[in-house]
N, C-alpha and C. Protein backbone atom coordinates (compact mmCIF):
# COMPACT_ATOMS: atom_id res chain seq x y z
N MET A 1 25.53 -72.79 -58.36
CA MET A 1 24.73 -72.40 -57.21
C MET A 1 23.56 -73.36 -57.08
N ALA A 2 23.25 -73.73 -55.87
CA ALA A 2 22.17 -74.69 -55.60
C ALA A 2 20.81 -74.02 -55.78
N ALA A 3 19.86 -74.83 -56.19
CA ALA A 3 18.50 -74.33 -56.33
C ALA A 3 17.92 -74.03 -54.96
N PRO A 4 17.09 -73.02 -54.85
CA PRO A 4 16.50 -72.71 -53.55
C PRO A 4 15.59 -73.84 -53.10
N ALA A 5 15.56 -74.06 -51.80
CA ALA A 5 14.73 -75.12 -51.23
C ALA A 5 13.26 -74.75 -51.38
N ALA A 6 12.46 -75.75 -51.58
CA ALA A 6 11.02 -75.53 -51.67
C ALA A 6 10.47 -75.09 -50.32
N VAL A 7 9.49 -74.26 -50.36
CA VAL A 7 8.86 -73.77 -49.13
C VAL A 7 7.75 -74.73 -48.74
N TYR A 8 7.73 -75.12 -47.48
CA TYR A 8 6.68 -76.01 -46.98
C TYR A 8 5.38 -75.24 -46.86
N ARG A 9 4.36 -75.77 -47.45
CA ARG A 9 3.03 -75.19 -47.33
C ARG A 9 2.10 -76.27 -46.81
N PRO A 10 1.67 -76.16 -45.56
CA PRO A 10 0.81 -77.20 -45.01
C PRO A 10 -0.52 -77.25 -45.76
N ARG A 11 -1.02 -78.45 -45.94
CA ARG A 11 -2.30 -78.59 -46.62
C ARG A 11 -3.42 -78.13 -45.69
N ASN A 12 -4.50 -77.74 -46.28
CA ASN A 12 -5.64 -77.27 -45.51
C ASN A 12 -6.90 -77.91 -46.08
N PRO A 13 -7.14 -79.18 -45.74
CA PRO A 13 -8.28 -79.88 -46.34
C PRO A 13 -9.62 -79.26 -45.98
N GLN A 14 -9.70 -78.58 -44.85
CA GLN A 14 -10.97 -77.97 -44.46
C GLN A 14 -11.42 -76.91 -45.45
N SER A 15 -10.52 -76.39 -46.24
CA SER A 15 -10.90 -75.37 -47.21
C SER A 15 -11.29 -75.97 -48.56
N SER A 16 -11.16 -77.29 -48.72
CA SER A 16 -11.51 -77.91 -50.01
C SER A 16 -13.02 -78.03 -50.14
N ASP A 17 -13.48 -77.98 -51.37
CA ASP A 17 -14.91 -78.12 -51.64
C ASP A 17 -15.42 -79.48 -51.20
N TYR A 18 -14.62 -80.53 -51.43
CA TYR A 18 -15.04 -81.89 -51.05
C TYR A 18 -15.25 -81.98 -49.54
N TYR A 19 -14.30 -81.49 -48.76
CA TYR A 19 -14.41 -81.55 -47.30
C TYR A 19 -15.66 -80.81 -46.83
N ARG A 20 -15.86 -79.61 -47.35
CA ARG A 20 -17.03 -78.83 -46.92
C ARG A 20 -18.33 -79.51 -47.31
N CYS A 21 -18.37 -80.12 -48.49
CA CYS A 21 -19.58 -80.83 -48.93
C CYS A 21 -19.87 -82.00 -48.01
N VAL A 22 -18.85 -82.79 -47.71
CA VAL A 22 -19.04 -83.95 -46.82
C VAL A 22 -19.46 -83.48 -45.44
N GLU A 23 -18.78 -82.47 -44.92
CA GLU A 23 -19.09 -81.97 -43.59
C GLU A 23 -20.52 -81.41 -43.51
N ASP A 24 -20.94 -80.71 -44.55
CA ASP A 24 -22.25 -80.06 -44.54
C ASP A 24 -23.41 -81.00 -44.82
N TYR A 25 -23.21 -82.02 -45.65
CA TYR A 25 -24.34 -82.81 -46.15
C TYR A 25 -24.33 -84.29 -45.79
N PHE A 26 -23.29 -84.78 -45.14
CA PHE A 26 -23.23 -86.22 -44.88
C PHE A 26 -24.36 -86.69 -43.97
N GLU A 27 -24.67 -85.93 -42.94
CA GLU A 27 -25.76 -86.32 -42.03
C GLU A 27 -27.09 -86.38 -42.78
N THR A 28 -27.33 -85.45 -43.68
CA THR A 28 -28.54 -85.46 -44.49
C THR A 28 -28.56 -86.69 -45.38
N PHE A 29 -27.43 -86.99 -46.00
CA PHE A 29 -27.32 -88.17 -46.85
C PHE A 29 -27.65 -89.44 -46.07
N LEU A 30 -27.13 -89.55 -44.85
CA LEU A 30 -27.45 -90.72 -44.02
C LEU A 30 -28.94 -90.83 -43.76
N GLY A 31 -29.57 -89.69 -43.52
CA GLY A 31 -30.99 -89.68 -43.22
C GLY A 31 -31.88 -90.10 -44.38
N ILE A 32 -31.44 -89.86 -45.60
CA ILE A 32 -32.28 -90.19 -46.76
C ILE A 32 -31.82 -91.44 -47.51
N TYR A 33 -30.73 -92.05 -47.07
CA TYR A 33 -30.16 -93.17 -47.82
C TYR A 33 -31.18 -94.29 -48.03
N ASP A 34 -31.82 -94.74 -46.97
CA ASP A 34 -32.75 -95.87 -47.09
C ASP A 34 -33.87 -95.58 -48.09
N GLU A 35 -34.40 -94.38 -48.03
CA GLU A 35 -35.53 -94.03 -48.89
C GLU A 35 -35.14 -93.92 -50.36
N TYR A 36 -33.99 -93.34 -50.64
CA TYR A 36 -33.63 -93.02 -52.02
C TYR A 36 -32.61 -93.95 -52.67
N PHE A 37 -31.77 -94.59 -51.89
CA PHE A 37 -30.65 -95.32 -52.48
C PHE A 37 -30.59 -96.81 -52.16
N SER A 38 -31.26 -97.25 -51.12
CA SER A 38 -31.08 -98.65 -50.70
C SER A 38 -31.60 -99.65 -51.73
N ARG A 39 -32.63 -99.31 -52.45
CA ARG A 39 -33.16 -100.24 -53.45
C ARG A 39 -32.12 -100.50 -54.55
N GLN A 40 -31.43 -99.47 -54.97
CA GLN A 40 -30.45 -99.62 -56.06
C GLN A 40 -29.09 -100.09 -55.55
N TYR A 41 -28.66 -99.61 -54.38
CA TYR A 41 -27.30 -99.88 -53.92
C TYR A 41 -27.23 -100.83 -52.72
N GLY A 42 -28.37 -101.25 -52.21
CA GLY A 42 -28.37 -102.17 -51.08
C GLY A 42 -28.37 -101.44 -49.75
N PHE A 43 -28.33 -102.23 -48.69
CA PHE A 43 -28.39 -101.65 -47.34
C PHE A 43 -27.17 -100.78 -47.07
N TRP A 44 -27.33 -99.86 -46.12
CA TRP A 44 -26.23 -98.98 -45.74
C TRP A 44 -25.19 -99.78 -44.98
N ARG A 45 -23.94 -99.64 -45.38
CA ARG A 45 -22.85 -100.34 -44.72
C ARG A 45 -22.20 -99.41 -43.70
N PRO A 46 -22.28 -99.77 -42.43
CA PRO A 46 -21.73 -98.90 -41.38
C PRO A 46 -20.25 -98.58 -41.57
N TYR A 47 -19.52 -99.45 -42.25
CA TYR A 47 -18.11 -99.18 -42.48
C TYR A 47 -17.91 -97.88 -43.27
N ALA A 48 -18.81 -97.60 -44.20
CA ALA A 48 -18.70 -96.37 -44.99
C ALA A 48 -18.80 -95.15 -44.09
N GLU A 49 -19.66 -95.21 -43.12
CA GLU A 49 -19.81 -94.10 -42.17
C GLU A 49 -18.53 -93.92 -41.35
N GLN A 50 -17.93 -95.02 -40.94
CA GLN A 50 -16.68 -94.95 -40.19
C GLN A 50 -15.59 -94.29 -41.02
N VAL A 51 -15.53 -94.64 -42.30
CA VAL A 51 -14.51 -94.07 -43.18
C VAL A 51 -14.69 -92.56 -43.32
N ILE A 52 -15.92 -92.12 -43.50
CA ILE A 52 -16.18 -90.69 -43.64
C ILE A 52 -15.79 -89.94 -42.38
N TYR A 53 -16.17 -90.47 -41.22
CA TYR A 53 -15.84 -89.78 -39.97
C TYR A 53 -14.33 -89.80 -39.71
N ARG A 54 -13.66 -90.86 -40.10
CA ARG A 54 -12.20 -90.89 -39.97
C ARG A 54 -11.57 -89.85 -40.89
N TYR A 55 -12.12 -89.69 -42.08
CA TYR A 55 -11.62 -88.66 -43.00
C TYR A 55 -11.79 -87.28 -42.39
N LEU A 56 -12.97 -86.99 -41.87
CA LEU A 56 -13.21 -85.68 -41.28
C LEU A 56 -12.31 -85.44 -40.08
N ASP A 57 -12.10 -86.47 -39.26
CA ASP A 57 -11.23 -86.33 -38.09
C ASP A 57 -9.77 -86.18 -38.50
N ALA A 58 -9.35 -86.91 -39.52
CA ALA A 58 -7.95 -86.85 -39.95
C ALA A 58 -7.61 -85.52 -40.60
N ALA A 59 -8.59 -84.88 -41.18
CA ALA A 59 -8.34 -83.59 -41.81
C ALA A 59 -8.05 -82.50 -40.78
N CYS A 60 -8.41 -82.77 -39.55
CA CYS A 60 -8.14 -81.83 -38.47
C CYS A 60 -7.38 -82.59 -37.39
N PRO A 61 -6.06 -82.76 -37.52
CA PRO A 61 -5.31 -83.67 -36.65
C PRO A 61 -5.07 -83.21 -35.23
N VAL A 62 -5.26 -81.95 -34.91
CA VAL A 62 -5.02 -81.49 -33.55
C VAL A 62 -6.30 -81.70 -32.75
N LEU A 63 -6.22 -82.61 -31.82
CA LEU A 63 -7.37 -82.93 -31.00
C LEU A 63 -7.41 -82.04 -29.78
N ASP A 64 -8.42 -82.24 -28.95
CA ASP A 64 -8.54 -81.47 -27.72
C ASP A 64 -7.32 -81.63 -26.83
N THR A 65 -6.66 -82.77 -26.93
CA THR A 65 -5.49 -83.03 -26.09
C THR A 65 -4.24 -82.38 -26.65
N GLY A 66 -4.31 -81.86 -27.87
CA GLY A 66 -3.15 -81.25 -28.48
C GLY A 66 -2.26 -82.24 -29.21
N VAL A 67 -2.70 -83.50 -29.31
CA VAL A 67 -1.92 -84.53 -29.98
C VAL A 67 -2.07 -84.37 -31.49
N ILE A 68 -1.00 -84.53 -32.20
CA ILE A 68 -1.04 -84.47 -33.66
C ILE A 68 -0.70 -85.85 -34.20
N TYR A 69 -1.57 -86.39 -35.04
CA TYR A 69 -1.31 -87.68 -35.67
C TYR A 69 -0.35 -87.45 -36.83
N THR A 70 0.74 -88.19 -36.83
CA THR A 70 1.71 -88.04 -37.92
C THR A 70 1.82 -89.29 -38.77
N THR A 71 1.11 -90.34 -38.42
CA THR A 71 1.23 -91.59 -39.15
C THR A 71 0.00 -91.90 -39.98
N GLY A 72 -0.87 -90.96 -40.20
CA GLY A 72 -2.04 -91.22 -41.01
C GLY A 72 -3.31 -91.10 -40.20
N LEU A 73 -4.30 -91.88 -40.59
CA LEU A 73 -5.59 -91.82 -39.94
C LEU A 73 -5.53 -92.36 -38.52
N PRO A 74 -6.28 -91.74 -37.61
CA PRO A 74 -6.31 -92.26 -36.23
C PRO A 74 -7.01 -93.61 -36.19
N ALA A 75 -6.64 -94.42 -35.24
CA ALA A 75 -7.22 -95.76 -35.11
C ALA A 75 -8.61 -95.72 -34.56
């Protein structure tokens, strides 16, 4: 007898602690970066901000238009 097929369980990144932390505190982090971190880590790189916003957007793939991204992060 064949083994039963696995049940598909869609991921829900919005419920992860990491997602909620980034969503709740990233704007605050941006606001204090220059004062607290730029001396040790250098100037803020705008690319890092783009990556974070792409992560937040990709975690919720259904946009206002109803389009679902199936190939990864939106361009």
